[in-house]
Protein backbone atom coordinates (compact mmCIF):
# COMPACT_ATOMS: atom_id res chain seq x y z
CA MET A 1 0.19 -0.02 -0.33
CA ARG A 2 0.97 3.55 -0.27
CA ARG A 3 2.24 5.48 3.06
CA PRO A 4 -0.68 6.90 4.56
CA MET A 5 -1.90 10.34 4.73
CA VAL A 6 -2.35 11.96 7.72
CA ALA A 7 -5.72 14.25 8.41
CA LEU A 8 -5.10 17.25 10.50
CA CYS A 9 -8.55 16.42 11.91
CA VAL A 10 -12.15 14.39 11.28
CA LEU A 11 -15.31 15.44 10.48
CA GLY A 12 -18.54 13.67 11.99
CA ALA A 13 -16.14 10.89 13.67
CA LEU A 14 -18.25 10.41 16.16
CA SER A 15 -22.06 9.30 15.92
CA VAL A 16 -24.10 8.62 18.71
CA MET A 17 -27.47 7.60 18.84
CA PRO A 18 -29.67 7.98 21.54
CA ALA A 19 -26.99 6.44 24.34
CA THR A 20 -24.36 8.96 25.16
CA MET A 21 -20.48 7.51 24.97
CA ALA A 22 -17.34 8.93 25.93
CA VAL A 23 -13.92 7.98 24.83
CA GLY A 24 -10.23 7.98 25.21
CA GLY A 25 -9.86 6.27 28.98
CA PRO A 26 -9.98 6.89 32.43
CA GLY A 27 -10.08 10.87 33.61
CA LYS A 28 -11.59 12.33 30.48
CA PRO A 29 -15.34 13.30 31.47
CA PRO A 30 -18.55 11.84 30.40
CA ALA A 31 -21.33 13.03 28.31
CA LYS A 32 -22.82 15.29 29.22
CA GLN A 33 -26.58 13.96 29.19
CA GLY A 34 -27.80 11.82 31.85
CA PRO A 35 -27.78 8.06 31.80
CA THR A 36 -30.16 7.04 28.87
CA ASP A 37 -31.89 3.36 28.04
CA PRO A 38 -29.11 1.18 25.56
CA GLY A 39 -29.04 2.33 22.29
CA PRO A 40 -27.16 2.03 19.33
CA LEU A 41 -23.70 3.46 18.91
CA SER A 42 -21.22 3.84 15.91
CA TYR A 43 -17.75 4.62 16.14
CA GLU A 44 -15.61 6.08 13.41
CA GLY A 45 -12.03 3.82 13.13
CA GLU A 46 -10.40 6.91 12.89
CA ASN A 47 -11.05 8.04 16.32
CA LEU A 48 -8.35 5.43 17.34
CA ALA A 49 -5.50 7.42 15.92
CA VAL A 50 -6.70 11.20 17.82
CA ASN A 51 -8.49 9.84 21.22
CA GLY A 52 -5.08 8.19 22.52
CA ALA A 53 -5.49 4.77 21.90
CA THR A 54 -2.44 2.68 22.68
CA ALA A 55 -0.53 0.33 20.64
CA THR A 56 2.39 -1.89 22.01
CA ASP A 57 3.73 -1.82 18.90
CA GLY A 58 3.33 -0.07 15.39
CA THR A 59 1.57 3.34 15.31
CA VAL A 60 -1.92 4.49 14.39
CA VAL A 61 -2.75 7.59 11.77
CA ILE A 62 -5.97 8.18 9.55
CA GLN A 63 -5.68 6.94 6.23
CA GLN A 64 -7.54 8.58 3.38
CA MET A 65 -9.00 6.21 0.98
CA ALA A 66 -11.07 7.72 -1.43
CA GLN A 67 -8.20 6.39 -4.38
CA PHE A 68 -9.59 3.30 -3.31
CA GLY A 69 -13.16 3.81 -4.06
CA ASN A 70 -16.21 5.21 -1.88
CA GLN A 71 -17.13 2.11 0.29
CA TRP A 72 -15.60 3.95 3.42
CA SER A 73 -17.45 5.85 5.87
CA ASN A 74 -15.97 9.32 6.06
CA ASN A 75 -13.53 8.35 3.06
CA ALA A 76 -11.00 7.32 5.08
CA GLN A 77 -9.81 4.75 7.95
CA ALA A 78 -7.25 3.79 10.97
CA LEU A 79 -4.28 2.36 9.43
CA TRP A 80 -2.87 0.35 12.59
CA THR A 81 0.98 -0.79 11.42
CA PRO A 82 2.31 -3.60 13.80
CA THR A 83 5.01 -5.65 12.87
CA LYS A 84 4.19 -8.87 14.28
CA ALA A 85 1.61 -11.11 15.92
CA GLY A 86 0.83 -10.54 19.62
CA ALA A 87 0.69 -7.02 19.07
CA SER A 88 -2.46 -5.30 19.97
CA LEU A 89 -4.23 -1.92 20.24
CA THR A 90 -6.74 -0.67 22.74
CA THR A 91 -8.99 1.92 23.76
CA THR A 92 -11.80 2.39 26.05
CA LEU A 93 -15.54 3.23 26.07
CA LEU A 94 -17.54 4.87 28.62
CA VAL A 95 -21.40 4.42 27.78
CA GLY A 96 -24.03 6.75 29.38
CA MET A 97 -26.64 4.10 30.05
CA LYS A 98 -28.62 2.89 32.90
CA VAL A 99 -27.74 -0.61 32.94
CA ASP A 100 -24.91 -3.00 31.81
CA ALA A 101 -26.57 -4.37 28.30
CA ILE A 102 -25.74 -6.95 25.79
CA TYR A 103 -24.24 -5.63 22.37
CA VAL A 104 -23.90 -6.93 19.09
CA PHE A 105 -20.60 -6.10 17.61
CA GLN A 106 -20.15 -5.15 13.99
CA ILE A 107 -16.75 -3.55 12.48
CA ALA A 108 -15.88 -2.64 8.90
CA TYR A 109 -12.20 -3.25 8.43
CA THR A 110 -10.48 -2.89 5.69
CA LYS A 111 -8.34 -6.05 3.34
CA ALA A 112 -5.11 -5.62 1.34
CA PRO A 113 -1.78 -7.37 0.83
CA ASP A 114 0.17 -6.83 3.73
CA TYR A 115 -2.72 -6.45 6.27
CA GLY A 116 -2.72 -9.22 9.08
CA GLN A 117 -5.37 -11.26 10.93
CA VAL A 118 -7.05 -9.77 14.08
CA GLN A 119 -9.07 -10.71 16.83
CA LEU A 120 -11.41 -8.25 18.89
CA PHE A 121 -11.83 -8.34 22.51
CA VAL A 122 -14.06 -6.93 24.92
CA ASN A 123 -13.41 -6.31 28.72
CA ASN A 124 -10.90 -9.19 28.07
CA LYS A 125 -13.60 -11.52 26.22
CA ALA A 126 -12.85 -12.08 22.66
CA VAL A 127 -15.75 -11.70 20.36
CA GLY A 128 -16.71 -13.40 17.60
CA ALA A 129 -13.75 -14.92 15.24
CA SER A 130 -10.14 -13.45 13.92
CA PHE A 131 -10.27 -11.50 11.08
CA ASP A 132 -7.89 -12.26 7.73
CA GLY A 133 -7.76 -9.19 6.37
CA TYR A 134 -5.57 -10.56 3.83
CA ALA A 135 -6.69 -9.37 0.03
CA PRO A 136 -4.58 -9.51 -3.21
CA GLN A 137 -5.66 -5.41 -3.40
CA VAL A 138 -6.85 -2.75 -1.24
CA THR A 139 -10.35 -3.89 -0.64
CA TYR A 140 -13.50 -2.52 1.45
CA GLY A 141 -14.35 -5.17 3.84
CA GLY A 142 -17.68 -4.48 4.52
CA LEU A 143 -19.45 -4.43 8.12
CA VAL A 144 -18.93 -7.66 9.37
CA THR A 145 -20.76 -8.96 12.41
CA LEU A 146 -18.78 -10.38 15.46
CA GLY A 147 -20.89 -11.69 17.94
CA THR A 148 -22.45 -10.41 21.32
CA THR A 149 -20.66 -8.92 24.59
CA ILE A 150 -21.47 -6.95 27.35
CA LEU A 151 -20.85 -3.50 27.79
CA LEU A 152 -20.92 -1.84 31.27
CA LYS A 153 -22.64 1.00 32.39
CA GLY A 154 -20.72 4.30 33.27
CA PRO A 155 -18.76 5.15 35.71
CA ALA A 156 -16.90 1.70 34.44
CA TRP A 157 -14.59 2.12 31.33
CA ASN A 158 -15.16 -0.87 28.32
CA GLN A 159 -11.96 -2.22 27.12
CA ILE A 160 -11.64 -2.47 23.52
CA ARG A 161 -8.80 -4.30 22.15
CA PHE A 162 -7.76 -5.85 18.78
CA THR A 163 -4.58 -8.16 18.86
CA VAL A 164 -2.84 -9.27 15.97
CA THR A 165 -3.24 -13.24 15.91
CA GLY A 166 -1.06 -14.19 12.56
CA LYS A 167 -0.73 -13.29 8.80
CA ASN A 168 -2.17 -15.44 5.89
CA PRO A 169 0.69 -17.08 4.68
CA LYS A 170 -0.21 -14.61 1.09
CA SER A 171 0.00 -11.61 2.88
CA THR A 172 3.19 -9.28 3.45
CA GLY A 173 2.88 -7.93 6.78
CA PHE A 174 0.66 -7.69 9.43
CA TYR A 175 -1.17 -4.06 9.27
CA VAL A 176 -4.74 -3.78 10.27
CA GLY A 177 -7.18 -1.11 8.82
CA ILE A 178 -10.50 -0.13 10.92
CA ASP A 179 -13.05 1.82 9.12
CA LEU A 180 -16.08 1.40 11.18
CA MET A 181 -17.37 0.58 14.46
CA LYS A 182 -21.14 -0.61 15.43
CA TYR A 183 -22.85 -1.41 18.23
CA THR A 184 -26.26 -2.38 18.73
CA PRO A 185 -28.25 -3.44 21.87
CA PHE A 186 -29.19 -7.18 21.62
CA VAL A 187 -33.24 -7.58 21.41
CA VAL A 188 -35.23 -10.36 21.98
CA ALA A 189 -38.48 -9.11 21.25
CA PRO A 190 -39.92 -5.89 19.71
CA GLY A 191 -39.17 -2.88 22.49
CA LEU A 192 -37.33 -5.65 24.75
CA THR A 193 -33.35 -5.16 25.51
CA VAL A 194 -31.72 -7.77 27.07
CA PRO A 195 -30.10 -6.23 30.19
CA LYS A 196 -26.88 -7.89 31.84
CA SER A 197 -28.72 -8.35 35.29
CA GLY A 198 -30.27 -11.87 35.81
CA LEU A 199 -29.76 -13.50 32.44
CA LEU A 200 -26.26 -15.42 32.81
CA ASP A 201 -28.00 -18.43 31.56
CA LEU A 202 -29.03 -16.87 28.64
CA ILE A 203 -25.61 -15.13 27.76
CA LYS A 204 -24.17 -18.44 27.53
CA LYS A 205 -26.55 -19.34 24.90
CA LEU A 206 -25.43 -16.52 22.44
CA PRO A 207 -23.06 -16.40 19.62
């Protein structure tokens, strides 16, 4: 891939409706609104480059993607450049909800000739399977539904971690491209959102 171009700012990077969310880490103030019912959350990958995400290897920059097509949200992504398996990229979320709730996690990754395989962890729990980012050319990976996990209400911070698990034999590197993350409350019936409390048996049965 070409050397990434770094943007100075990201417009519309964080979309929150109707639940509220703060990103970055402990010490950063939560949203001004009071606690809300669990609702859908959307987080632009580019925020990882500007909100203090911590990488154990490599750097995180904003890469403009218009040269590769128009599928990328805001025409940009977060490009993380680890050099080996086992590297991790970590950020934290503070969600202004009334209760802990089960969320469905979806991520739009990018594929490329020098991209590796990456696993998402939420609060140290693996969510879904590892994603193989290899493709012969730069390709939009689309929104992938990884699975379900619990997001904790504030004041607890939720840890979001990406870990490189390896690479496709055809890939020349371990890079990771993240375009968009979406978190949607898991619903079992119209208008009914499943909270954490009292539903541990159900959680065990979730994919």
